[in-house]
Amino acid sequence: MKSTRVKRNGFTWAYYAPKTLTKKALLLMMGNSDHDTMVKACAKYMTGLGVGVAAIAPNQDGKPYSGCHSFPLECLEEAIQWLREQGMEKVGMAGGSTTGMLCLAAAAHLPDLSLVLAYTPSDHVMQGFFKGKKDGHIPEWPAPGESTMTYRGKPLPYAPFQLSDEDYYNLSYGKATKDAGELSGRALFAHVEACGIPEEAYIPVEQIRGKIVFFGAEDDTLWDTVKYIRRMEARLKAHDFPYNYEVHTYRYGTHFVFPQGVFLAALPAFAVNAFVGKMFKSAKAHPKECQATRLDVDRATRAAIENW
């Protein structure tokens, strides 16, 4: 899928245009770059719904993905301004997993975002982390003193992991995944909860100035996203949130609670269940239920964008 490379004030992203003229666009953070397979599949799906897509990566200037740490929200501000200059009247944001958290936090600080699609998010800002290879065997480790994102040159308050690199590895997606036989991070985030999440690290979702759509499944093995979503829902109710919001939670769906159309943009239909099943035991044990979840996520995503 073709894209236009945009560079503005030191920030870069890829813009994917729909086939028909549009006045709506989404900032998309769903992959490790702005042009990898996941991003292209998401962009193909979203542009098919009639919106422009500005795909933004945690690592800028085409650098290899090295985790998510100190990502400047100013990058999103620049992309929003550029989209406005292209004639976009509405700008929203979509993200999944770590970037599901990021898009909620971004929307709480950037009032121009009037729609947030948050797939399997957390409700608090995480400490930043590196990815790569450290000490010959550690694939991911905490970024000392860094939040996952910054704004106006300051780190957003975050929940620290309070672990050594080795202990982080043992509780996170490295050793924990190997031992469990699937992607697994529950023990890591249970540790963070046990240490106590600072109040200021919780995302002030009540500050978002538009519609929010949450998606998550109970069988998510990376973190307890349904618990996080319920806490955010309670926060919105407590603050009499004036905008519409939707909560879509499911028994089955794994961490990959994304629209079915995203997977179909990258894989043949017969291969989708097998692909997710290789990543997560629940998807292998409950393929029909997980597929039903993805189909409902697809329906809700389409409706949110259509009614936006």
Protein backbone atom coordinates (compact mmCIF):
# COMPACT_ATOMS: atom_id res chain seq x y z
CA MET A 1 0.00 0.00 0.00
CA LYS A 2 1.46 3.35 -1.04
CA SER A 3 2.00 6.16 1.40
CA THR A 4 3.32 9.70 1.42
CA ARG A 5 6.33 10.42 3.62
CA VAL A 6 5.78 13.55 5.69
CA LYS A 7 8.48 15.37 7.66
CA ARG A 8 7.62 18.38 9.76
CA ASN A 9 9.67 20.17 12.41
CA GLY A 10 11.86 17.15 13.01
CA PHE A 11 9.05 14.58 13.19
CA THR A 12 8.08 12.05 10.54
CA TRP A 13 5.10 9.87 9.67
CA ALA A 14 3.51 8.10 6.72
CA TYR A 15 0.19 9.27 5.34
CA TYR A 16 -2.17 6.77 3.73
CA ALA A 17 -5.00 8.36 1.76
CA PRO A 18 -8.41 6.76 1.17
CA LYS A 19 -9.73 6.36 -2.37
CA THR A 20 -12.46 8.92 -1.80
CA LEU A 21 -12.19 12.50 -0.58
CA THR A 22 -12.47 12.75 3.19
CA LYS A 23 -12.59 15.33 5.96
CA LYS A 24 -11.71 12.81 8.68
CA ALA A 25 -8.36 11.29 9.62
CA LEU A 26 -6.89 9.06 12.29
CA LEU A 27 -3.47 9.13 13.87
CA LEU A 28 -2.50 5.46 13.90
CA MET A 29 0.02 3.89 16.25
CA MET A 30 -0.30 0.14 15.85
CA GLY A 31 3.09 -1.20 14.81
CA ASN A 32 6.82 -0.95 15.32
CA SER A 33 7.26 1.42 12.37
CA ASP A 34 5.05 3.52 10.13
CA HIS A 35 5.21 0.99 7.30
CA ASP A 36 5.49 -2.53 8.74
CA THR A 37 2.99 -5.30 7.97
CA MET A 38 0.72 -4.50 10.90
CA VAL A 39 0.59 -0.80 10.09
CA LYS A 40 -0.07 -1.39 6.39
CA ALA A 41 -2.89 -3.79 7.25
CA CYS A 42 -4.42 -1.29 9.69
CA ALA A 43 -4.02 1.54 7.21
CA LYS A 44 -5.65 -0.50 4.44
CA TYR A 45 -8.55 -1.34 6.73
CA MET A 46 -9.03 2.20 8.08
CA THR A 47 -8.73 3.94 4.70
CA GLY A 48 -11.30 1.44 3.46
CA LEU A 49 -13.65 2.98 6.02
CA GLY A 50 -13.18 6.36 4.39
CA VAL A 51 -10.65 8.07 6.66
CA GLY A 52 -7.12 9.26 6.08
CA VAL A 53 -4.42 7.61 8.18
CA ALA A 54 -1.27 9.23 9.55
CA ALA A 55 0.82 6.29 10.76
CA ILE A 56 3.28 7.32 13.46
CA ALA A 57 5.96 5.11 14.98
CA PRO A 58 7.48 5.28 18.48
CA ASN A 59 10.89 5.33 16.79
CA GLN A 60 11.29 8.27 14.44
CA ASP A 61 13.29 8.76 11.23
CA GLY A 62 13.14 5.11 10.24
CA LYS A 63 15.28 3.95 13.14
CA PRO A 64 14.88 0.29 14.19
CA TYR A 65 12.28 -0.27 16.89
CA SER A 66 13.92 -0.04 20.29
CA GLY A 67 10.93 0.01 22.60
CA CYS A 68 8.71 2.83 23.80
CA HIS A 69 10.37 5.46 25.96
CA SER A 70 10.15 9.26 26.11
CA PHE A 71 7.95 9.46 23.01
CA PRO A 72 7.20 13.19 22.51
CA LEU A 73 3.50 13.97 22.20
CA GLU A 74 4.57 17.03 20.18
CA CYS A 75 4.96 14.61 17.27
CA LEU A 76 1.21 14.03 17.39
CA GLU A 77 0.55 17.78 17.64
CA GLU A 78 2.56 18.32 14.46
CA ALA A 79 0.65 15.55 12.68
CA ILE A 80 -2.68 17.01 13.77
CA GLN A 81 -1.70 20.44 12.47
CA TRP A 82 -0.56 18.97 9.17
CA LEU A 83 -3.85 17.07 8.80
CA ARG A 84 -5.76 20.27 9.49
CA GLU A 85 -3.79 21.95 6.73
CA GLN A 86 -4.85 19.13 4.37
CA GLY A 87 -8.47 20.02 5.06
CA MET A 88 -9.30 17.49 7.78
CA GLU A 89 -12.15 18.73 9.96
CA LYS A 90 -12.02 15.82 12.40
CA VAL A 91 -8.92 14.08 13.76
CA GLY A 92 -8.95 11.02 15.98
CA MET A 93 -6.49 8.39 17.12
CA ALA A 94 -6.27 4.62 17.23
CA GLY A 95 -3.78 2.46 19.11
CA GLY A 96 -3.45 -1.03 20.49
CA SER A 97 -1.60 -2.53 23.45
CA THR A 98 1.12 -0.09 24.61
CA THR A 99 -0.04 2.45 22.05
CA GLY A 100 -3.63 1.96 23.23
CA MET A 101 -2.38 3.45 26.48
CA LEU A 102 -0.47 6.08 24.54
CA CYS A 103 -3.45 7.25 22.50
CA LEU A 104 -5.61 7.66 25.62
CA ALA A 105 -2.88 9.67 27.37
CA ALA A 106 -2.30 11.73 24.22
CA ALA A 107 -6.00 12.54 23.84
CA ALA A 108 -6.12 13.64 27.49
CA HIS A 109 -3.49 16.27 26.65
CA LEU A 110 -4.36 17.16 23.04
CA PRO A 111 -7.90 18.58 22.75
CA ASP A 112 -8.05 18.27 18.95
CA LEU A 113 -8.52 14.48 19.15
CA SER A 114 -12.28 13.92 19.02
CA LEU A 115 -12.32 10.12 18.69
CA VAL A 116 -10.14 7.56 20.46
CA LEU A 117 -10.16 3.88 19.52
CA ALA A 118 -8.27 2.12 22.34
CA TYR A 119 -7.62 -1.58 21.78
CA THR A 120 -6.38 -3.57 24.84
CA PRO A 121 -5.11 -0.46 26.69
CA SER A 122 -3.85 0.01 30.22
CA ASP A 123 -5.30 2.75 32.41
CA HIS A 124 -1.98 4.10 33.64
CA VAL A 125 1.15 5.41 32.00
CA MET A 126 3.89 2.80 32.06
CA GLN A 127 7.57 3.30 32.64
CA GLY A 128 9.49 3.41 29.40
CA PHE A 129 11.23 0.29 28.15
CA PHE A 130 13.92 -0.71 25.70
CA LYS A 131 13.86 -3.57 23.25
CA GLY A 132 16.89 -5.18 21.73
CA LYS A 133 19.45 -7.55 23.19
CA LYS A 134 21.14 -6.81 26.48
CA ASP A 135 23.71 -9.02 28.20
CA GLY A 136 23.24 -11.54 25.43
CA HIS A 137 19.78 -12.73 26.46
CA ILE A 138 17.51 -9.93 27.72
CA PRO A 139 15.15 -8.80 24.91
CA GLU A 140 13.34 -6.07 26.87
CA TRP A 141 14.26 -4.02 29.95
CA PRO A 142 13.16 -0.85 31.80
CA ALA A 143 14.35 2.58 30.71
CA PRO A 144 15.78 4.11 33.90
CA GLY A 145 13.96 7.30 34.88
CA GLU A 146 11.98 7.46 31.64
CA SER A 147 8.25 7.50 31.06
CA THR A 148 6.82 5.97 27.91
CA MET A 149 6.03 9.52 26.76
CA THR A 150 6.85 13.17 27.34
CA TYR A 151 5.04 16.45 26.79
CA ARG A 152 6.52 19.93 26.70
CA GLY A 153 9.88 18.40 27.55
CA LYS A 154 8.69 16.72 30.73
CA PRO A 155 7.99 13.02 31.31
CA LEU A 156 4.38 12.12 31.94
CA PRO A 157 4.01 10.66 35.45
CA TYR A 158 4.32 6.88 35.27
CA ALA A 159 4.10 3.69 37.31
CA PRO A 160 7.69 2.46 37.82
CA PHE A 161 8.48 -1.21 37.36
CA GLN A 162 10.81 -1.20 40.37
CA LEU A 163 12.73 -4.19 39.03
CA SER A 164 16.25 -4.95 37.90
CA ASP A 165 16.71 -5.71 34.23
CA GLU A 166 17.01 -9.43 35.01
CA ASP A 167 13.92 -9.52 37.23
CA TYR A 168 11.93 -7.55 34.67
CA TYR A 169 12.91 -10.13 32.08
CA ASN A 170 11.91 -13.00 34.33
CA LEU A 171 8.44 -11.51 34.90
CA SER A 172 7.79 -10.15 31.43
CA TYR A 173 7.53 -11.27 27.86
CA GLY A 174 10.96 -12.91 27.77
CA LYS A 175 11.27 -15.77 30.24
CA ALA A 176 7.58 -15.61 31.23
CA THR A 177 6.57 -16.10 27.60
CA LYS A 178 8.96 -19.00 27.17
CA ASP A 179 7.73 -20.72 30.33
CA ALA A 180 4.04 -20.14 29.54
CA GLY A 181 4.33 -21.03 25.88
CA GLU A 182 2.54 -17.83 24.88
CA LEU A 183 2.94 -14.07 25.20
CA SER A 184 2.69 -13.37 28.92
CA GLY A 185 3.13 -10.26 31.03
CA ARG A 186 0.50 -10.64 33.77
CA ALA A 187 3.07 -11.29 36.49
CA LEU A 188 4.92 -8.10 35.59
CA PHE A 189 1.85 -5.90 35.88
CA ALA A 190 0.64 -7.69 39.01
CA HIS A 191 3.99 -6.66 40.51
CA VAL A 192 3.43 -3.06 39.43
CA GLU A 193 -0.02 -3.09 41.06
CA ALA A 194 1.38 -4.61 44.25
CA CYS A 195 4.01 -1.86 44.47
CA GLY A 196 1.25 0.73 44.15
CA ILE A 197 0.45 2.84 41.09
CA PRO A 198 0.92 6.56 41.85
CA GLU A 199 -2.36 8.43 41.49
CA GLU A 200 -0.78 10.87 39.05
CA ALA A 201 0.20 7.97 36.76
CA TYR A 202 -3.43 7.09 36.02
CA ILE A 203 -4.53 8.48 32.67
CA PRO A 204 -6.99 11.37 33.17
CA VAL A 205 -9.41 10.02 30.57
CA GLU A 206 -12.04 12.47 31.79
CA GLN A 207 -10.02 15.23 30.08
CA ILE A 208 -10.55 13.72 26.62
CA ARG A 209 -12.74 15.96 24.47
CA GLY A 210 -14.49 13.42 22.31
CA LYS A 211 -15.79 9.90 22.02
CA ILE A 212 -13.81 7.00 23.50
CA VAL A 213 -14.22 3.38 22.45
CA PHE A 214 -12.53 0.75 24.63
CA PHE A 215 -11.87 -2.85 23.56
CA GLY A 216 -10.46 -5.71 25.65
CA ALA A 217 -10.78 -9.40 26.53
CA GLU A 218 -10.64 -11.27 29.82
CA ASP A 219 -8.19 -13.85 28.46
CA ASP A 220 -5.57 -11.21 27.66
CA THR A 221 -2.32 -12.69 28.99
CA LEU A 222 -0.19 -9.55 28.73
CA TRP A 223 -2.11 -7.49 31.28
CA ASP A 224 -5.57 -7.34 32.82
CA THR A 225 -6.98 -4.93 30.29
CA VAL A 226 -10.61 -5.56 31.28
CA LYS A 227 -9.85 -4.48 34.85
CA TYR A 228 -8.09 -1.39 33.51
CA ILE A 229 -11.02 -0.57 31.21
CA ARG A 230 -13.51 -0.94 34.07
CA ARG A 231 -11.43 1.44 36.19
CA MET A 232 -11.45 3.98 33.38
CA GLU A 233 -15.19 3.55 32.95
CA ALA A 234 -15.67 4.22 36.68
CA ARG A 235 -13.46 7.30 36.38
CA LEU A 236 -15.55 8.66 33.51
CA LYS A 237 -18.76 8.12 35.47
CA ALA A 238 -17.31 9.78 38.58
CA HIS A 239 -16.41 12.88 36.55
CA ASP A 240 -19.73 13.01 34.64
CA PHE A 241 -17.88 12.68 31.34
CA PRO A 242 -19.87 14.84 28.88
CA TYR A 243 -19.01 12.88 25.73
CA ASN A 244 -20.17 9.50 24.54
CA TYR A 245 -18.08 6.42 25.26
CA GLU A 246 -18.41 2.70 24.60
CA VAL A 247 -16.99 -0.26 26.50
CA HIS A 248 -16.59 -3.50 24.58
CA THR A 249 -15.23 -6.35 26.70
CA TYR A 250 -15.25 -10.04 25.86
CA ARG A 251 -14.57 -13.39 27.50
CA TYR A 252 -12.32 -14.50 24.65
CA GLY A 253 -10.16 -12.55 22.25
CA THR A 254 -6.62 -12.57 23.73
CA HIS A 255 -4.42 -9.49 23.54
CA PHE A 256 -5.17 -9.25 19.82
CA VAL A 257 -8.63 -7.70 20.21
CA PHE A 258 -8.43 -5.92 16.87
CA PRO A 259 -10.94 -5.72 13.99
CA GLN A 260 -11.16 -8.87 11.91
CA GLY A 261 -10.73 -6.69 8.84
CA VAL A 262 -7.22 -5.73 9.97
CA PHE A 263 -6.16 -9.39 9.98
CA LEU A 264 -7.87 -10.01 6.64
CA ALA A 265 -5.91 -7.12 5.15
CA ALA A 266 -2.70 -9.02 5.93
CA LEU A 267 -3.64 -12.71 5.84
CA PRO A 268 -5.94 -15.05 3.91
CA ALA A 269 -9.14 -15.79 5.85
CA PHE A 270 -8.21 -19.42 6.56
CA ALA A 271 -4.92 -18.40 8.20
CA VAL A 272 -6.17 -15.83 10.72
CA ASN A 273 -7.25 -18.24 13.46
CA ALA A 274 -4.07 -20.27 13.04
CA PHE A 275 -1.88 -17.17 13.30
CA VAL A 276 -3.51 -15.92 16.52
CA GLY A 277 -3.56 -19.49 17.86
CA LYS A 278 0.21 -19.70 17.54
CA MET A 279 0.56 -16.63 19.75
CA PHE A 280 -2.04 -17.40 22.42
CA LYS A 281 -3.32 -20.65 23.94
CA SER A 282 -6.83 -19.28 24.40
CA ALA A 283 -7.10 -18.53 20.69
CA LYS A 284 -6.09 -22.10 19.90
CA ALA A 285 -8.59 -23.51 22.40
CA HIS A 286 -11.41 -21.12 21.49
CA PRO A 287 -10.94 -20.12 17.84
CA LYS A 288 -14.64 -19.54 17.10
CA GLU A 289 -15.14 -17.37 20.16
CA CYS A 290 -12.04 -15.29 19.44
CA GLN A 291 -13.11 -14.83 15.84
CA ALA A 292 -16.57 -13.75 17.02
CA THR A 293 -14.88 -11.14 19.20
CA ARG A 294 -12.81 -9.79 16.32
CA LEU A 295 -15.93 -9.60 14.15
CA ASP A 296 -17.75 -7.61 16.83
CA VAL A 297 -14.74 -5.32 17.25
CA ASP A 298 -14.87 -4.82 13.50
CA ARG A 299 -18.57 -3.92 13.68
CA ALA A 300 -18.06 -1.47 16.57
CA THR A 301 -15.04 0.15 14.91
CA ARG A 302 -16.92 0.67 11.66
CA ALA A 303 -19.90 2.14 13.49
CA ALA A 304 -17.74 4.49 15.54
CA ILE A 305 -16.01 5.88 12.47
CA GLU A 306 -19.22 6.09 10.45
CA ASN A 307 -21.06 7.98 13.21
CA TRP A 308 -18.11 10.23 14.05
